[in-house]
Amino acid sequence: MSAAEKYGQELFAALRDCRTIAPIAGRDPALTVDDAYAISLDFLARRRAEGERVVGKKIGVTSKAVQDMLGVHQPDFGFLTNAMHEQGDIDVVKHKLIQPRAEAEIAFILSDDLRGPGVTPKQVIAATKAVAPCFEIVDSRIDNWDITIVDTVADNASCGVFVLGEARVDPRTLDLPSLKVTVTKNGAPLSEGYGSAVQGDPAQAVAWLANTLGTHGVTLDAGDIILSGSLVPLENAQAGDEFEMHLQDVGSCTARFV
């Protein structure tokens, strides 16, 4: 059994059993980031074999606040499936969430394919039908979030579930880097940030994703939902919590945990 199969199987079992595993990088320090992406693809293949389908991609660890919090200092990517898209209350047990954290993001909904390398932020905007306010609920199958870049990449960029707000706005009408997001938790102010927190411009982050995926033979496809990275620090979540974000000039999104 290859390393990709071994750890992909282990992560898949951890997801289904709602438990964590020991850090992968600590057990196998020779693994590279490319090895970690191979593990991630094996993990995804096991989910797809059970009927999940890919509906988008996500960028992780893009902002300095999140990088400093996790101790991981380069971006990564993961895949979104239909089973991760929550359109109502987030049932922690149903989704087998282990140690979830909420983060406020700008989601891009694509109208055209993007194939790297060579994709520019201008091309990202041209290929985007609309942007939407979004909560990504990240979750780690690694003990106590004790992750390196290899661990989070292998674990599908630590993705749990995501929620989109109802608003859809043409990005051509917006100054994405200057958009301000404010977040509350259980009615109390929690955090705020700007689009510029994500690689200076969320469209730049999506371009990075398209170009990085292109080196792995993967495209961003028309209809994909692309999560561009957190604008604020991650916040622990549990059943009973309610998060609300307001994205300037776009709209609001609520993540309610039950």
C-alpha atoms as a PDB file:
ATOM      1  CA  MET A   1       0.000   0.000   0.000  1.00  0.00           C
ATOM      2  CA  SER A   2       1.381   3.423  -0.972  1.00  0.00           C
ATOM      3  CA  ALA A   3       1.620   6.328   1.473  1.00  0.00           C
ATOM      4  CA  ALA A   4      -1.255   8.018  -0.364  1.00  0.00           C
ATOM      5  CA  GLU A   5      -3.470   4.969   0.106  1.00  0.00           C
ATOM      6  CA  LYS A   6      -2.380   4.374   3.704  1.00  0.00           C
ATOM      7  CA  TYR A   7      -3.034   7.894   4.962  1.00  0.00           C
ATOM      8  CA  GLY A   8      -5.998   8.516   2.665  1.00  0.00           C
ATOM      9  CA  GLN A   9      -7.671   5.452   4.152  1.00  0.00           C
ATOM     10  CA  GLU A  10      -6.755   6.575   7.667  1.00  0.00           C
ATOM     11  CA  LEU A  11      -8.203  10.066   7.168  1.00  0.00           C
ATOM     12  CA  PHE A  12     -11.358   8.668   5.578  1.00  0.00           C
ATOM     13  CA  ALA A  13     -11.879   6.316   8.544  1.00  0.00           C
ATOM     14  CA  ALA A  14     -11.301   9.215  10.957  1.00  0.00           C
ATOM     15  CA  LEU A  15     -13.956  11.270   9.148  1.00  0.00           C
ATOM     16  CA  ARG A  16     -16.496   8.456   9.165  1.00  0.00           C
ATOM     17  CA  ASP A  17     -15.762   7.529  12.806  1.00  0.00           C
ATOM     18  CA  CYS A  18     -15.713  11.181  13.948  1.00  0.00           C
ATOM     19  CA  ARG A  19     -12.288  10.967  15.588  1.00  0.00           C
ATOM     20  CA  THR A  20      -8.807  12.366  15.172  1.00  0.00           C
ATOM     21  CA  ILE A  21      -5.511  10.744  14.272  1.00  0.00           C
ATOM     22  CA  ALA A  22      -1.915  11.486  15.231  1.00  0.00           C
ATOM     23  CA  PRO A  23      -0.173  14.095  13.039  1.00  0.00           C
ATOM     24  CA  ILE A  24       0.925  12.512   9.778  1.00  0.00           C
ATOM     25  CA  ALA A  25       4.057  14.602   9.322  1.00  0.00           C
ATOM     26  CA  GLY A  26       5.282  13.600  12.763  1.00  0.00           C
ATOM     27  CA  ARG A  27       4.992   9.929  11.888  1.00  0.00           C
ATOM     28  CA  ASP A  28       6.385  10.216   8.369  1.00  0.00           C
ATOM     29  CA  PRO A  29       8.693  13.260   8.196  1.00  0.00           C
ATOM     30  CA  ALA A  30       9.931  12.403   4.707  1.00  0.00           C
ATOM     31  CA  LEU A  31       6.535  13.265   3.191  1.00  0.00           C
ATOM     32  CA  THR A  32       6.525  16.297   0.884  1.00  0.00           C
ATOM     33  CA  VAL A  33       3.702  18.690   0.036  1.00  0.00           C
ATOM     34  CA  ASP A  34       3.269  16.828  -3.266  1.00  0.00           C
ATOM     35  CA  ASP A  35       2.907  13.594  -1.279  1.00  0.00           C
ATOM     36  CA  ALA A  36       0.288  15.317   0.867  1.00  0.00           C
ATOM     37  CA  TYR A  37      -1.741  16.303  -2.202  1.00  0.00           C
ATOM     38  CA  ALA A  38      -1.620  12.665  -3.345  1.00  0.00           C
ATOM     39  CA  ILE A  39      -3.039  11.668   0.058  1.00  0.00           C
ATOM     40  CA  SER A  40      -5.733  14.325  -0.303  1.00  0.00           C
ATOM     41  CA  LEU A  41      -6.745  12.964  -3.716  1.00  0.00           C
ATOM     42  CA  ASP A  42      -6.972   9.434  -2.304  1.00  0.00           C
ATOM     43  CA  PHE A  43      -9.086  10.760   0.596  1.00  0.00           C
ATOM     44  CA  LEU A  44     -11.360  12.519  -1.912  1.00  0.00           C
ATOM     45  CA  ALA A  45     -11.638   9.407  -4.098  1.00  0.00           C
ATOM     46  CA  ARG A  46     -12.968   7.453  -1.115  1.00  0.00           C
ATOM     47  CA  ARG A  47     -15.599  10.115  -0.480  1.00  0.00           C
ATOM     48  CA  ARG A  48     -16.595  10.134  -4.138  1.00  0.00           C
ATOM     49  CA  ALA A  49     -16.897   6.347  -4.098  1.00  0.00           C
ATOM     50  CA  GLU A  50     -19.614   6.796  -1.454  1.00  0.00           C
ATOM     51  CA  GLY A  51     -21.558   9.148  -3.716  1.00  0.00           C
ATOM     52  CA  GLU A  52     -20.185  12.598  -2.926  1.00  0.00           C
ATOM     53  CA  ARG A  53     -19.547  14.873  -5.888  1.00  0.00           C
ATOM     54  CA  VAL A  54     -17.209  17.825  -6.203  1.00  0.00           C
ATOM     55  CA  VAL A  55     -18.974  21.215  -6.318  1.00  0.00           C
ATOM     56  CA  GLY A  56     -15.973  23.507  -5.860  1.00  0.00           C
ATOM     57  CA  LYS A  57     -12.581  24.126  -4.347  1.00  0.00           C
ATOM     58  CA  LYS A  58     -11.240  26.011  -1.360  1.00  0.00           C
ATOM     59  CA  ILE A  59      -8.111  27.931  -0.531  1.00  0.00           C
ATOM     60  CA  GLY A  60      -6.783  27.604   2.978  1.00  0.00           C
ATOM     61  CA  VAL A  61      -4.269  29.402   5.178  1.00  0.00           C
ATOM     62  CA  THR A  62      -4.188  32.538   3.019  1.00  0.00           C
ATOM     63  CA  SER A  63      -4.309  35.316   5.614  1.00  0.00           C
ATOM     64  CA  LYS A  64      -1.565  36.227   8.080  1.00  0.00           C
ATOM     65  CA  ALA A  65      -4.013  35.930  10.994  1.00  0.00           C
ATOM     66  CA  VAL A  66      -4.787  32.302  10.135  1.00  0.00           C
ATOM     67  CA  GLN A  67      -1.170  31.467   9.291  1.00  0.00           C
ATOM     68  CA  ASP A  68      -0.012  32.792  12.656  1.00  0.00           C
ATOM     69  CA  MET A  69      -2.803  30.951  14.489  1.00  0.00           C
ATOM     70  CA  LEU A  70      -2.025  27.584  12.881  1.00  0.00           C
ATOM     71  CA  GLY A  71       1.720  27.969  12.458  1.00  0.00           C
ATOM     72  CA  VAL A  72       1.391  27.157   8.741  1.00  0.00           C
ATOM     73  CA  HIS A  73       2.884  29.820   6.499  1.00  0.00           C
ATOM     74  CA  GLN A  74       1.850  28.952   2.971  1.00  0.00           C
ATOM     75  CA  PRO A  75      -1.559  28.547   1.318  1.00  0.00           C
ATOM     76  CA  ASP A  76      -3.088  25.208   0.422  1.00  0.00           C
ATOM     77  CA  PHE A  77      -6.171  23.937  -1.363  1.00  0.00           C
ATOM     78  CA  GLY A  78      -8.899  21.389  -0.923  1.00  0.00           C
ATOM     79  CA  PHE A  79     -12.064  20.154  -2.588  1.00  0.00           C
ATOM     80  CA  LEU A  80     -15.679  20.967  -1.723  1.00  0.00           C
ATOM     81  CA  THR A  81     -18.348  18.300  -2.124  1.00  0.00           C
ATOM     82  CA  ASN A  82     -22.119  18.469  -2.065  1.00  0.00           C
ATOM     83  CA  ALA A  83     -22.076  16.781   1.356  1.00  0.00           C
ATOM     84  CA  MET A  84     -20.097  19.750   2.734  1.00  0.00           C
ATOM     85  CA  HIS A  85     -22.605  22.359   1.485  1.00  0.00           C
ATOM     86  CA  GLU A  86     -24.981  23.150   4.331  1.00  0.00           C
ATOM     87  CA  GLN A  87     -28.069  25.194   3.457  1.00  0.00           C
ATOM     88  CA  GLY A  88     -29.643  25.236   6.917  1.00  0.00           C
ATOM     89  CA  ASP A  89     -28.542  24.763  10.494  1.00  0.00           C
ATOM     90  CA  ILE A  90     -25.249  22.933  10.910  1.00  0.00           C
ATOM     91  CA  ASP A  91     -25.856  19.641  12.688  1.00  0.00           C
ATOM     92  CA  VAL A  92     -22.530  18.917  14.379  1.00  0.00           C
ATOM     93  CA  VAL A  93     -23.333  15.217  14.842  1.00  0.00           C
ATOM     94  CA  LYS A  94     -24.723  14.687  11.335  1.00  0.00           C
ATOM     95  CA  HIS A  95     -21.675  16.248   9.706  1.00  0.00           C
ATOM     96  CA  LYS A  96     -19.336  14.366  12.063  1.00  0.00           C
ATOM     97  CA  LEU A  97     -17.577  17.578  13.029  1.00  0.00           C
ATOM     98  CA  ILE A  98     -14.793  16.964  15.526  1.00  0.00           C
ATOM     99  CA  GLN A  99     -13.121  20.272  16.419  1.00  0.00           C
ATOM    100  CA  PRO A 100     -14.813  22.864  14.166  1.00  0.00           C
ATOM    101  CA  ARG A 101     -13.817  26.492  13.758  1.00  0.00           C
ATOM    102  CA  ALA A 102     -15.730  29.190  11.874  1.00  0.00           C
ATOM    103  CA  GLU A 103     -14.179  31.626   9.415  1.00  0.00           C
ATOM    104  CA  ALA A 104     -15.758  34.376   7.294  1.00  0.00           C
ATOM    105  CA  GLU A 105     -14.926  34.364   3.590  1.00  0.00           C
ATOM    106  CA  ILE A 106     -15.849  35.656   0.150  1.00  0.00           C
ATOM    107  CA  ALA A 107     -17.086  32.889  -2.137  1.00  0.00           C
ATOM    108  CA  PHE A 108     -16.691  33.115  -5.917  1.00  0.00           C
ATOM    109  CA  ILE A 109     -19.275  31.383  -8.122  1.00  0.00           C
ATOM    110  CA  LEU A 110     -17.760  30.750 -11.535  1.00  0.00           C
ATOM    111  CA  SER A 111     -19.470  31.106 -14.900  1.00  0.00           C
ATOM    112  CA  ASP A 112     -16.444  29.947 -16.918  1.00  0.00           C
ATOM    113  CA  ASP A 113     -13.558  27.528 -16.528  1.00  0.00           C
ATOM    114  CA  LEU A 114     -10.154  28.702 -15.307  1.00  0.00           C
ATOM    115  CA  ARG A 115      -7.138  26.618 -16.231  1.00  0.00           C
ATOM    116  CA  GLY A 116      -3.679  27.484 -14.929  1.00  0.00           C
ATOM    117  CA  PRO A 117      -0.897  28.307 -15.145  1.00  0.00           C
ATOM    118  CA  GLY A 118      -0.979  31.938 -16.178  1.00  0.00           C
ATOM    119  CA  VAL A 119      -4.369  32.904 -14.742  1.00  0.00           C
ATOM    120  CA  THR A 120      -4.540  36.550 -13.587  1.00  0.00           C
ATOM    121  CA  PRO A 121      -6.882  38.252 -11.084  1.00  0.00           C
ATOM    122  CA  LYS A 122      -8.480  40.093 -14.018  1.00  0.00           C
ATOM    123  CA  GLN A 123      -9.299  36.747 -15.644  1.00  0.00           C
ATOM    124  CA  VAL A 124     -10.742  35.510 -12.351  1.00  0.00           C
ATOM    125  CA  ILE A 125     -13.154  38.443 -12.239  1.00  0.00           C
ATOM    126  CA  ALA A 126     -14.109  37.878 -15.890  1.00  0.00           C
ATOM    127  CA  ALA A 127     -14.865  34.207 -15.152  1.00  0.00           C
ATOM    128  CA  THR A 128     -16.935  34.923 -12.024  1.00  0.00           C
ATOM    129  CA  LYS A 129     -20.718  35.083 -12.175  1.00  0.00           C
ATOM    130  CA  ALA A 130     -21.100  36.424  -8.634  1.00  0.00           C
ATOM    131  CA  VAL A 131     -19.544  36.621  -5.202  1.00  0.00           C
ATOM    132  CA  ALA A 132     -21.352  35.715  -1.980  1.00  0.00           C
ATOM    133  CA  PRO A 133     -20.765  35.984   1.758  1.00  0.00           C
ATOM    134  CA  CYS A 134     -19.711  32.645   3.183  1.00  0.00           C
ATOM    135  CA  PHE A 135     -18.842  30.851   6.383  1.00  0.00           C
ATOM    136  CA  GLU A 136     -16.426  27.994   6.015  1.00  0.00           C
ATOM    137  CA  ILE A 137     -16.402  25.663   8.987  1.00  0.00           C
ATOM    138  CA  VAL A 138     -12.937  24.210   9.043  1.00  0.00           C
ATOM    139  CA  ASP A 139     -12.329  20.979  10.920  1.00  0.00           C
ATOM    140  CA  SER A 140      -9.222  18.890  11.411  1.00  0.00           C
ATOM    141  CA  ARG A 141      -8.930  15.133  11.574  1.00  0.00           C
ATOM    142  CA  ILE A 142      -5.511  15.724  13.193  1.00  0.00           C
ATOM    143  CA  ASP A 143      -5.211  15.640  17.006  1.00  0.00           C
ATOM    144  CA  ASN A 144      -5.643  19.072  18.616  1.00  0.00           C
ATOM    145  CA  TRP A 145      -5.084  20.946  15.343  1.00  0.00           C
ATOM    146  CA  ASP A 146      -1.389  20.033  15.694  1.00  0.00           C
ATOM    147  CA  ILE A 147      -0.750  20.500  11.982  1.00  0.00           C
ATOM    148  CA  THR A 148       2.018  21.243   9.533  1.00  0.00           C
ATOM    149  CA  ILE A 149       1.428  22.106   5.880  1.00  0.00           C
ATOM    150  CA  VAL A 150       1.658  18.379   5.076  1.00  0.00           C
ATOM    151  CA  ASP A 151      -1.047  17.523   7.617  1.00  0.00           C
ATOM    152  CA  THR A 152      -3.552  20.138   6.509  1.00  0.00           C
ATOM    153  CA  VAL A 153      -2.987  19.484   2.788  1.00  0.00           C
ATOM    154  CA  ALA A 154      -3.455  15.737   3.273  1.00  0.00           C
ATOM    155  CA  ASP A 155      -6.621  16.412   5.288  1.00  0.00           C
ATOM    156  CA  ASN A 156      -8.334  18.213   2.370  1.00  0.00           C
ATOM    157  CA  ALA A 157      -7.142  21.603   3.638  1.00  0.00           C
ATOM    158  CA  SER A 158      -8.927  20.955   6.947  1.00  0.00           C
ATOM    159  CA  CYS A 159     -12.356  21.469   5.395  1.00  0.00           C
ATOM    160  CA  GLY A 160     -15.539  20.616   7.276  1.00  0.00           C
ATOM    161  CA  VAL A 161     -18.644  22.278   5.812  1.00  0.00           C
ATOM    162  CA  PHE A 162     -19.582  25.631   4.300  1.00  0.00           C
ATOM    163  CA  VAL A 163     -22.626  27.917   4.250  1.00  0.00           C
ATOM    164  CA  LEU A 164     -23.398  30.536   1.597  1.00  0.00           C
ATOM    165  CA  GLY A 165     -25.465  33.639   2.274  1.00  0.00           C
ATOM    166  CA  GLU A 166     -28.305  34.414  -0.112  1.00  0.00           C
ATOM    167  CA  ALA A 167     -26.744  37.543  -1.637  1.00  0.00           C
ATOM    168  CA  ARG A 168     -25.127  37.318  -5.074  1.00  0.00           C
ATOM    169  CA  VAL A 169     -23.251  40.371  -6.381  1.00  0.00           C
ATOM    170  CA  ASP A 170     -21.324  40.952  -9.602  1.00  0.00           C
ATOM    171  CA  PRO A 171     -17.659  41.369  -8.565  1.00  0.00           C
ATOM    172  CA  ARG A 172     -17.129  43.917 -11.328  1.00  0.00           C
ATOM    173  CA  THR A 173     -19.142  46.375  -9.207  1.00  0.00           C
ATOM    174  CA  LEU A 174     -16.957  45.900  -6.107  1.00  0.00           C
ATOM    175  CA  ASP A 175     -13.526  46.860  -4.821  1.00  0.00           C
ATOM    176  CA  LEU A 176     -12.818  43.428  -3.369  1.00  0.00           C
ATOM    177  CA  PRO A 177      -9.668  44.284  -1.362  1.00  0.00           C
ATOM    178  CA  SER A 178     -11.469  47.079   0.499  1.00  0.00           C
ATOM    179  CA  LEU A 179     -14.603  45.108   1.402  1.00  0.00           C
ATOM    180  CA  LYS A 180     -15.050  45.004   5.173  1.00  0.00           C
ATOM    181  CA  VAL A 181     -16.485  42.015   6.999  1.00  0.00           C
ATOM    182  CA  THR A 182     -17.800  42.144  10.561  1.00  0.00           C
ATOM    183  CA  VAL A 183     -18.505  38.959  12.501  1.00  0.00           C
ATOM    184  CA  THR A 184     -20.562  38.347  15.647  1.00  0.00           C
ATOM    185  CA  LYS A 185     -20.756  35.245  17.829  1.00  0.00           C
ATOM    186  CA  ASN A 186     -23.915  34.677  19.839  1.00  0.00           C
ATOM    187  CA  GLY A 187     -24.838  38.319  19.279  1.00  0.00           C
ATOM    188  CA  ALA A 188     -21.556  39.791  20.536  1.00  0.00           C
ATOM    189  CA  PRO A 189     -18.920  41.434  18.304  1.00  0.00           C
ATOM    190  CA  LEU A 190     -16.188  38.927  17.468  1.00  0.00           C
ATOM    191  CA  SER A 191     -13.904  40.116  14.671  1.00  0.00           C
ATOM    192  CA  GLU A 192     -13.576  42.205  11.549  1.00  0.00           C
ATOM    193  CA  GLY A 193     -11.361  42.197   8.514  1.00  0.00           C
ATOM    194  CA  TYR A 194     -10.972  43.255   4.899  1.00  0.00           C
ATOM    195  CA  GLY A 195     -10.713  41.535   1.550  1.00  0.00           C
ATOM    196  CA  SER A 196      -7.073  42.572   1.403  1.00  0.00           C
ATOM    197  CA  ALA A 197      -6.332  40.083   4.220  1.00  0.00           C
ATOM    198  CA  VAL A 198      -6.404  37.350   1.563  1.00  0.00           C
ATOM    199  CA  GLN A 199      -3.173  37.710  -0.443  1.00  0.00           C
ATOM    200  CA  GLY A 200      -3.939  41.408  -0.892  1.00  0.00           C
ATOM    201  CA  ASP A 201      -6.980  40.646  -3.057  1.00  0.00           C
ATOM    202  CA  PRO A 202      -9.379  37.664  -3.008  1.00  0.00           C
ATOM    203  CA  ALA A 203      -9.208  37.511  -6.814  1.00  0.00           C
ATOM    204  CA  GLN A 204      -5.439  37.086  -6.516  1.00  0.00           C
ATOM    205  CA  ALA A 205      -6.015  34.161  -4.147  1.00  0.00           C
ATOM    206  CA  VAL A 206      -8.349  32.505  -6.663  1.00  0.00           C
ATOM    207  CA  ALA A 207      -5.775  33.071  -9.410  1.00  0.00           C
ATOM    208  CA  TRP A 208      -3.167  31.392  -7.179  1.00  0.00           C
ATOM    209  CA  LEU A 209      -5.538  28.469  -6.764  1.00  0.00           C
ATOM    210  CA  ALA A 210      -6.157  28.124 -10.496  1.00  0.00           C
ATOM    211  CA  ASN A 211      -2.431  28.235 -11.211  1.00  0.00           C
ATOM    212  CA  THR A 212      -1.495  25.818  -8.430  1.00  0.00           C
ATOM    213  CA  LEU A 213      -4.219  23.356  -9.404  1.00  0.00           C
ATOM    214  CA  GLY A 214      -3.080  23.629 -13.003  1.00  0.00           C
ATOM    215  CA  THR A 215       0.258  22.076 -12.039  1.00  0.00           C
ATOM    216  CA  HIS A 216      -1.724  19.078 -10.729  1.00  0.00           C
ATOM    217  CA  GLY A 217      -3.883  18.832 -13.869  1.00  0.00           C
ATOM    218  CA  VAL A 218      -6.987  20.156 -12.089  1.00  0.00           C
ATOM    219  CA  THR A 219      -9.136  23.041 -13.359  1.00  0.00           C
ATOM    220  CA  LEU A 220     -11.574  25.462 -11.777  1.00  0.00           C
ATOM    221  CA  ASP A 221     -14.808  24.704 -13.582  1.00  0.00           C
ATOM    222  CA  ALA A 222     -17.871  26.701 -14.576  1.00  0.00           C
ATOM    223  CA  GLY A 223     -20.393  26.379 -11.748  1.00  0.00           C
ATOM    224  CA  ASP A 224     -17.711  25.792  -9.133  1.00  0.00           C
ATOM    225  CA  ILE A 225     -17.978  27.486  -5.762  1.00  0.00           C
ATOM    226  CA  ILE A 226     -14.537  28.785  -4.787  1.00  0.00           C
ATOM    227  CA  LEU A 227     -13.834  29.761  -1.183  1.00  0.00           C
ATOM    228  CA  SER A 228     -11.089  32.373  -1.266  1.00  0.00           C
ATOM    229  CA  GLY A 229      -9.806  32.235   2.323  1.00  0.00           C
ATOM    230  CA  SER A 230     -10.651  33.659   5.716  1.00  0.00           C
ATOM    231  CA  LEU A 231     -10.713  37.413   6.267  1.00  0.00           C
ATOM    232  CA  VAL A 232     -10.618  37.015  10.045  1.00  0.00           C
ATOM    233  CA  PRO A 233      -9.060  34.729  12.682  1.00  0.00           C
ATOM    234  CA  LEU A 234     -10.683  31.307  13.135  1.00  0.00           C
ATOM    235  CA  GLU A 235     -13.084  30.879  16.053  1.00  0.00           C
ATOM    236  CA  ASN A 236     -13.974  27.666  17.873  1.00  0.00           C
ATOM    237  CA  ALA A 237     -17.571  26.536  17.406  1.00  0.00           C
ATOM    238  CA  GLN A 238     -19.880  24.093  19.149  1.00  0.00           C
ATOM    239  CA  ALA A 239     -23.559  23.155  19.245  1.00  0.00           C
ATOM    240  CA  GLY A 240     -25.607  26.155  20.384  1.00  0.00           C
ATOM    241  CA  ASP A 241     -23.323  28.777  18.816  1.00  0.00           C
ATOM    242  CA  GLU A 242     -24.575  31.232  16.202  1.00  0.00           C
ATOM    243  CA  PHE A 243     -22.230  33.231  13.994  1.00  0.00           C
ATOM    244  CA  GLU A 244     -23.284  36.061  11.709  1.00  0.00           C
ATOM    245  CA  MET A 245     -21.163  37.917   9.206  1.00  0.00           C
ATOM    246  CA  HIS A 246     -21.933  41.043   7.232  1.00  0.00           C
ATOM    247  CA  LEU A 247     -19.881  41.641   4.109  1.00  0.00           C
ATOM    248  CA  GLN A 248     -19.946  45.287   3.053  1.00  0.00           C
ATOM    249  CA  ASP A 249     -21.861  45.972  -0.179  1.00  0.00           C
ATOM    250  CA  VAL A 250     -22.666  42.278  -0.563  1.00  0.00           C
ATOM    251  CA  GLY A 251     -24.813  40.869   2.259  1.00  0.00           C
ATOM    252  CA  SER A 252     -24.960  38.637   5.293  1.00  0.00           C
ATOM    253  CA  CYS A 253     -24.516  34.971   6.167  1.00  0.00           C
ATOM    254  CA  THR A 254     -25.431  33.018   9.297  1.00  0.00           C
ATOM    255  CA  ALA A 255     -23.918  29.806  10.624  1.00  0.00           C
ATOM    256  CA  ARG A 256     -26.014  28.277  13.370  1.00  0.00           C
ATOM    257  CA  PHE A 257     -24.806  25.115  15.101  1.00  0.00           C
ATOM    258  CA  VAL A 258     -27.230  22.577  16.549  1.00  0.00           C
END
